[in-house]
Amino acid sequence: MVHNLALSLRHHSPDVKVHLFISDYLQQFIQADKFDTVQTIQEDEFTDHRGIAPAKIKARVYELGRSIGLEMFLYLDVDAIILNDLTSFFTALKGHDIATEVLGTGNKDSKSINYSIWATNENIWNYFELKDDDTLCGIQSSWMYFERSEVCDKLQEYLTWYMLKGIPYWILKQQWNNAIPDELIYQGVFAKMGLIPNKPPSEKKTILFGNKRNKETPESAERDYYILSIYGNDKLTQKKWLKLYDRHLSEIDRMNYHPQDMLMRDKFVSTPQ
């Protein structure tokens, strides 16, 4: 997946620098020349006694970017490809401390906050010790933008503290392959800091999540979006978007991409731990 993402990035935004953090074992499967830098992460940085623990490394995204000297950067989950040049997106993001995909907002008494799916309001407010009038965001963390700032420095301090403290599994209202979702930690810290990390207006729509509610066509997706995500598993992402994923990559480099049907079955949410 990271090969495919880099392939699409190099095609649509050839001047964008691409930095990869990858496990030592997986490094043998990538083409290093597709990346400006490749950093190795150790197995204990993304696993715990239960197995793979994505939040353990994803809660350190800002720290990792700063560790290689980045002043501003866009983080991307690898289960995606780029559909259009990102230059105008970077222009829109510049000057914002942090941005991500905010799908809903609400307060403690809200009956429903769109995409706040991992724990009840009561448990989130209690665990993160939020004030009754704090605003909670439902976020989708497939992309996040960070700029070096006191805000992000403090954000990282909070994220690190909560990861060390540990979030009890009993507060989850649905399972994520026996792991704590990073989105729960981020949304709790955003609320504690009073942050609503909305994306700024830009030339195109940011990211297409191909669930059943999405009524876009493949043609409009390629025209109007920066990113196509094949998030979750093949029960969440509709077949037409998996086909678009393959077709778009095939048009970029027909002989040098990995088809989605070889990838989806091995995703974290598809593989029993």
Protein backbone atom coordinates (compact mmCIF):
# COMPACT_ATOMS: atom_id res chain seq x y z
CA MET A 1 0.00 0.00 0.00
CA VAL A 2 2.79 2.43 0.79
CA HIS A 3 4.34 1.64 -2.59
CA ASN A 4 1.05 2.45 -4.31
CA LEU A 5 0.60 5.66 -2.33
CA ALA A 6 4.13 6.81 -3.16
CA LEU A 7 3.58 5.91 -6.82
CA SER A 8 0.53 8.17 -6.98
CA LEU A 9 2.24 10.95 -5.00
CA ARG A 10 5.23 11.00 -7.34
CA HIS A 11 2.91 11.08 -10.34
CA HIS A 12 0.59 13.89 -9.25
CA SER A 13 2.92 15.94 -7.02
CA PRO A 14 6.48 15.21 -8.16
CA ASP A 15 7.95 18.09 -6.12
CA VAL A 16 6.49 16.95 -2.80
CA LYS A 17 9.03 15.35 -0.48
CA VAL A 18 7.89 11.93 0.76
CA HIS A 19 9.10 10.61 4.11
CA LEU A 20 8.44 7.08 5.26
CA PHE A 21 8.50 5.49 8.72
CA ILE A 22 8.43 1.72 8.37
CA SER A 23 9.26 -1.40 10.36
CA ASP A 24 12.60 -3.05 9.79
CA TYR A 25 10.92 -6.20 8.49
CA LEU A 26 8.74 -4.41 5.92
CA GLN A 27 11.58 -2.26 4.62
CA GLN A 28 12.76 -5.12 2.37
CA PHE A 29 9.53 -4.89 0.35
CA ILE A 30 9.70 -1.20 -0.64
CA GLN A 31 11.59 0.67 -3.33
CA ALA A 32 13.63 3.14 -1.30
CA ASP A 33 14.10 5.47 -4.30
CA LYS A 34 10.40 6.34 -4.11
CA PHE A 35 11.07 8.21 -0.85
CA ASP A 36 13.21 11.16 0.19
CA THR A 37 13.93 9.57 3.56
CA VAL A 38 13.18 6.17 5.06
CA GLN A 39 13.21 5.83 8.86
CA THR A 40 13.04 2.47 10.63
CA ILE A 41 10.68 1.95 13.56
CA GLN A 42 11.14 -0.92 15.96
CA GLU A 43 8.50 -3.57 16.58
CA ASP A 44 7.90 -2.51 20.18
CA GLU A 45 6.96 0.96 18.92
CA PHE A 46 3.77 -0.36 17.30
CA THR A 47 2.95 -3.50 19.31
CA ASP A 48 1.95 -4.38 22.84
CA HIS A 49 1.05 -7.58 24.71
CA ARG A 50 -2.15 -7.86 22.61
CA GLY A 51 -0.37 -7.64 19.25
CA ILE A 52 -0.32 -4.77 16.77
CA ALA A 53 -1.20 -1.47 18.49
CA PRO A 54 -1.51 1.22 15.78
CA ALA A 55 -2.29 4.04 18.24
CA LYS A 56 1.07 3.50 19.94
CA ILE A 57 2.91 4.85 16.89
CA LYS A 58 0.19 7.05 15.44
CA ALA A 59 -0.03 9.10 18.63
CA ARG A 60 3.59 10.09 17.89
CA VAL A 61 3.11 11.42 14.36
CA TYR A 62 4.03 15.01 15.25
CA GLU A 63 7.03 13.83 17.28
CA LEU A 64 8.24 11.69 14.38
CA GLY A 65 7.91 14.52 11.88
CA ARG A 66 9.85 16.86 14.12
CA SER A 67 12.51 14.17 14.66
CA ILE A 68 13.55 14.50 11.02
CA GLY A 69 13.40 18.29 11.06
CA LEU A 70 10.02 18.89 9.42
CA GLU A 71 8.50 22.30 10.18
CA MET A 72 5.17 21.46 8.52
CA PHE A 73 3.91 18.22 7.04
CA LEU A 74 0.93 16.21 5.89
CA TYR A 75 0.57 12.75 7.42
CA LEU A 76 -1.24 10.10 5.35
CA ASP A 77 -2.44 6.62 6.22
CA VAL A 78 -1.09 4.28 3.56
CA ASP A 79 -4.47 2.78 2.60
CA ALA A 80 -5.03 5.54 0.06
CA ILE A 81 -3.84 6.98 -3.22
CA ILE A 82 -3.55 10.53 -4.54
CA LEU A 83 -5.95 11.52 -7.31
CA ASN A 84 -4.80 15.11 -7.98
CA ASP A 85 -1.87 17.45 -7.41
CA LEU A 86 -1.64 18.37 -3.71
CA THR A 87 -0.04 21.79 -4.26
CA SER A 88 -3.25 23.76 -3.76
CA PHE A 89 -4.07 21.68 -0.68
CA PHE A 90 -0.72 22.52 0.91
CA THR A 91 -1.31 26.20 0.10
CA ALA A 92 -4.66 26.09 1.90
CA LEU A 93 -3.20 24.27 4.93
CA LYS A 94 -0.21 26.55 5.43
CA GLY A 95 -0.54 28.67 8.56
CA HIS A 96 -2.76 26.22 10.44
CA ASP A 97 -1.25 24.55 13.50
CA ILE A 98 -3.20 21.36 12.94
CA ALA A 99 -5.96 20.07 10.67
CA THR A 100 -7.68 16.75 10.08
CA GLU A 101 -11.00 15.37 8.85
CA VAL A 102 -13.64 16.64 11.30
CA LEU A 103 -16.94 14.91 10.53
CA GLY A 104 -19.01 16.10 13.47
CA THR A 105 -18.97 18.20 16.64
CA GLY A 106 -21.07 18.27 19.80
CA ASN A 107 -21.08 18.62 23.56
CA LYS A 108 -21.58 16.30 26.51
CA ASP A 109 -25.36 16.33 26.12
CA SER A 110 -25.39 15.68 22.35
CA LYS A 111 -27.33 12.52 21.57
CA SER A 112 -25.16 11.87 18.55
CA ILE A 113 -21.88 13.31 17.26
CA ASN A 114 -21.13 12.21 13.72
CA TYR A 115 -18.23 9.72 13.64
CA SER A 116 -17.63 9.83 17.38
CA ILE A 117 -17.97 6.08 17.30
CA TRP A 118 -15.49 4.62 19.77
CA ALA A 119 -16.90 5.50 23.20
CA THR A 120 -19.92 7.14 24.76
CA ASN A 121 -19.85 10.85 25.58
CA GLU A 122 -20.05 10.00 29.27
CA ASN A 123 -16.97 7.78 29.15
CA ILE A 124 -15.00 10.26 27.04
CA TRP A 125 -15.86 13.16 29.36
CA ASN A 126 -14.99 11.14 32.43
CA TYR A 127 -11.75 9.66 31.14
CA PHE A 128 -10.33 12.87 29.67
CA GLU A 129 -11.74 14.97 32.54
CA LEU A 130 -13.47 17.38 30.17
CA LYS A 131 -15.57 20.36 31.20
CA ASP A 132 -19.29 20.09 30.54
CA ASP A 133 -19.16 22.83 27.88
CA ASP A 134 -16.11 21.43 26.01
CA THR A 135 -16.61 20.59 22.33
CA LEU A 136 -15.90 17.06 21.12
CA CYS A 137 -15.02 16.39 17.46
CA GLY A 138 -15.72 13.19 15.59
CA ILE A 139 -12.54 12.83 13.55
CA GLN A 140 -11.29 10.51 10.82
CA SER A 141 -7.49 10.46 11.11
CA SER A 142 -6.56 9.07 7.68
CA TRP A 143 -4.86 12.42 7.11
CA MET A 144 -3.50 14.98 9.54
CA TYR A 145 -1.57 18.20 9.00
CA PHE A 146 0.87 19.60 11.56
CA GLU A 147 2.99 22.74 11.80
CA ARG A 148 5.72 23.30 14.34
CA SER A 149 4.02 25.30 17.06
CA GLU A 150 3.41 25.54 20.80
CA VAL A 151 -0.07 24.11 20.13
CA CYS A 152 1.31 20.93 18.55
CA ASP A 153 4.06 20.68 21.16
CA LYS A 154 1.38 20.65 23.87
CA LEU A 155 -0.77 18.27 21.83
CA GLN A 156 2.11 15.80 21.68
CA GLU A 157 2.67 16.10 25.44
CA TYR A 158 -0.96 15.20 26.09
CA LEU A 159 -0.96 12.33 23.58
CA THR A 160 2.19 10.88 25.09
CA TRP A 161 0.80 11.19 28.62
CA TYR A 162 -2.47 9.43 27.77
CA MET A 163 -0.66 6.65 25.92
CA LEU A 164 1.53 6.08 28.99
CA LYS A 165 -1.49 6.20 31.29
CA GLY A 166 -3.36 3.79 29.03
CA ILE A 167 -6.99 3.81 27.97
CA PRO A 168 -9.04 0.96 29.48
CA TYR A 169 -10.65 -1.32 26.93
CA TRP A 170 -13.93 -1.38 28.81
CA ILE A 171 -14.76 2.17 27.70
CA LEU A 172 -14.93 1.12 24.04
CA LYS A 173 -18.42 0.66 22.64
CA GLN A 174 -17.12 -1.24 19.61
CA GLN A 175 -13.99 -3.23 18.93
CA TRP A 176 -11.15 -2.30 16.58
CA ASN A 177 -9.37 -5.62 16.25
CA ASN A 178 -8.51 -5.73 19.96
CA ALA A 179 -6.74 -2.34 19.90
CA ILE A 180 -7.36 1.17 21.15
CA PRO A 181 -8.30 3.49 18.23
CA ASP A 182 -5.97 6.45 17.81
CA GLU A 183 -8.99 8.58 16.87
CA LEU A 184 -10.37 8.23 20.41
CA ILE A 185 -7.14 9.53 21.92
CA TYR A 186 -6.86 12.42 19.46
CA GLN A 187 -10.49 13.50 19.84
CA GLY A 188 -10.20 13.44 23.63
CA VAL A 189 -7.05 15.55 23.60
CA PHE A 190 -8.49 17.97 21.03
CA ALA A 191 -11.50 18.49 23.33
CA LYS A 192 -9.27 18.95 26.38
CA MET A 193 -7.23 21.60 24.54
CA GLY A 194 -10.27 23.34 23.06
CA LEU A 195 -9.18 22.50 19.50
CA ILE A 196 -11.50 22.00 16.54
CA PRO A 197 -8.97 21.05 13.84
CA ASN A 198 -11.15 21.80 10.83
CA LYS A 199 -9.56 21.69 7.40
CA PRO A 200 -9.46 25.07 5.61
CA PRO A 201 -11.34 25.66 2.33
CA SER A 202 -9.31 24.42 -0.62
CA GLU A 203 -9.59 23.99 -4.37
CA LYS A 204 -10.81 20.40 -4.15
CA LYS A 205 -12.46 18.15 -1.59
CA THR A 206 -9.90 16.46 0.63
CA ILE A 207 -10.63 12.75 0.86
CA LEU A 208 -13.21 10.30 -0.43
CA PHE A 209 -14.27 7.50 1.89
CA GLY A 210 -16.00 4.95 -0.28
CA ASN A 211 -18.76 3.77 2.00
CA LYS A 212 -22.34 3.04 0.94
CA ARG A 213 -23.48 6.57 1.73
CA ASN A 214 -21.07 8.12 -0.74
CA LYS A 215 -22.95 8.97 -3.94
CA GLU A 216 -20.01 10.28 -5.95
CA THR A 217 -19.09 8.65 -9.24
CA PRO A 218 -15.58 7.50 -10.08
CA GLU A 219 -15.41 10.30 -12.64
CA SER A 220 -16.35 13.01 -10.12
CA ALA A 221 -13.95 11.51 -7.58
CA GLU A 222 -10.99 11.78 -9.94
CA ARG A 223 -11.99 15.33 -10.84
CA ASP A 224 -12.94 16.73 -7.43
CA TYR A 225 -10.86 14.98 -4.73
CA TYR A 226 -7.23 14.98 -3.65
CA ILE A 227 -7.25 11.57 -1.94
CA LEU A 228 -9.08 8.25 -2.36
CA SER A 229 -9.14 6.18 0.83
CA ILE A 230 -9.84 2.45 0.86
CA TYR A 231 -10.30 2.53 4.61
CA GLY A 232 -11.53 -0.25 6.83
CA ASN A 233 -12.09 -3.51 5.00
CA ASP A 234 -13.88 -4.46 1.78
CA LYS A 235 -17.19 -4.48 3.63
CA LEU A 236 -16.80 -0.76 4.34
CA THR A 237 -15.29 0.33 1.02
CA GLN A 238 -17.57 -0.31 -1.95
CA LYS A 239 -16.32 -2.31 -4.92
CA LYS A 240 -16.45 0.64 -7.33
CA TRP A 241 -13.87 2.49 -5.25
CA LEU A 242 -11.61 -0.54 -5.05
CA LYS A 243 -11.87 -0.74 -8.85
CA LEU A 244 -11.02 2.96 -9.14
CA TYR A 245 -8.01 2.40 -6.88
CA ASP A 246 -6.69 -0.26 -9.28
CA ARG A 247 -7.60 1.62 -12.46
CA HIS A 248 -5.98 4.86 -11.37
CA LEU A 249 -2.74 3.10 -10.42
CA SER A 250 -2.78 1.08 -13.63
CA GLU A 251 -2.99 4.28 -15.65
CA ILE A 252 0.02 5.65 -13.76
CA ASP A 253 2.21 2.55 -14.09
CA ARG A 254 0.48 -0.60 -15.32
CA MET A 255 3.42 -2.90 -14.57
CA ASN A 256 4.44 -1.55 -11.18
CA TYR A 257 1.58 -1.46 -8.69
CA HIS A 258 -0.07 -3.85 -6.24
CA PRO A 259 -3.79 -4.61 -6.91
CA GLN A 260 -6.15 -3.99 -4.01
CA ASP A 261 -7.37 -7.61 -3.85
CA MET A 262 -3.85 -8.61 -2.74
CA LEU A 263 -3.89 -5.96 -0.02
CA MET A 264 -7.32 -5.66 1.58
CA ARG A 265 -7.31 -9.13 3.16
CA ASP A 266 -4.14 -8.34 5.12
CA LYS A 267 -5.29 -5.03 6.59
CA PHE A 268 -5.33 -4.62 10.36
CA VAL A 269 -9.14 -4.65 10.59
CA SER A 270 -9.32 -7.73 8.36
CA THR A 271 -6.70 -9.85 10.11
CA PRO A 272 -7.43 -11.61 13.43
CA GLN A 273 -4.73 -10.82 16.03
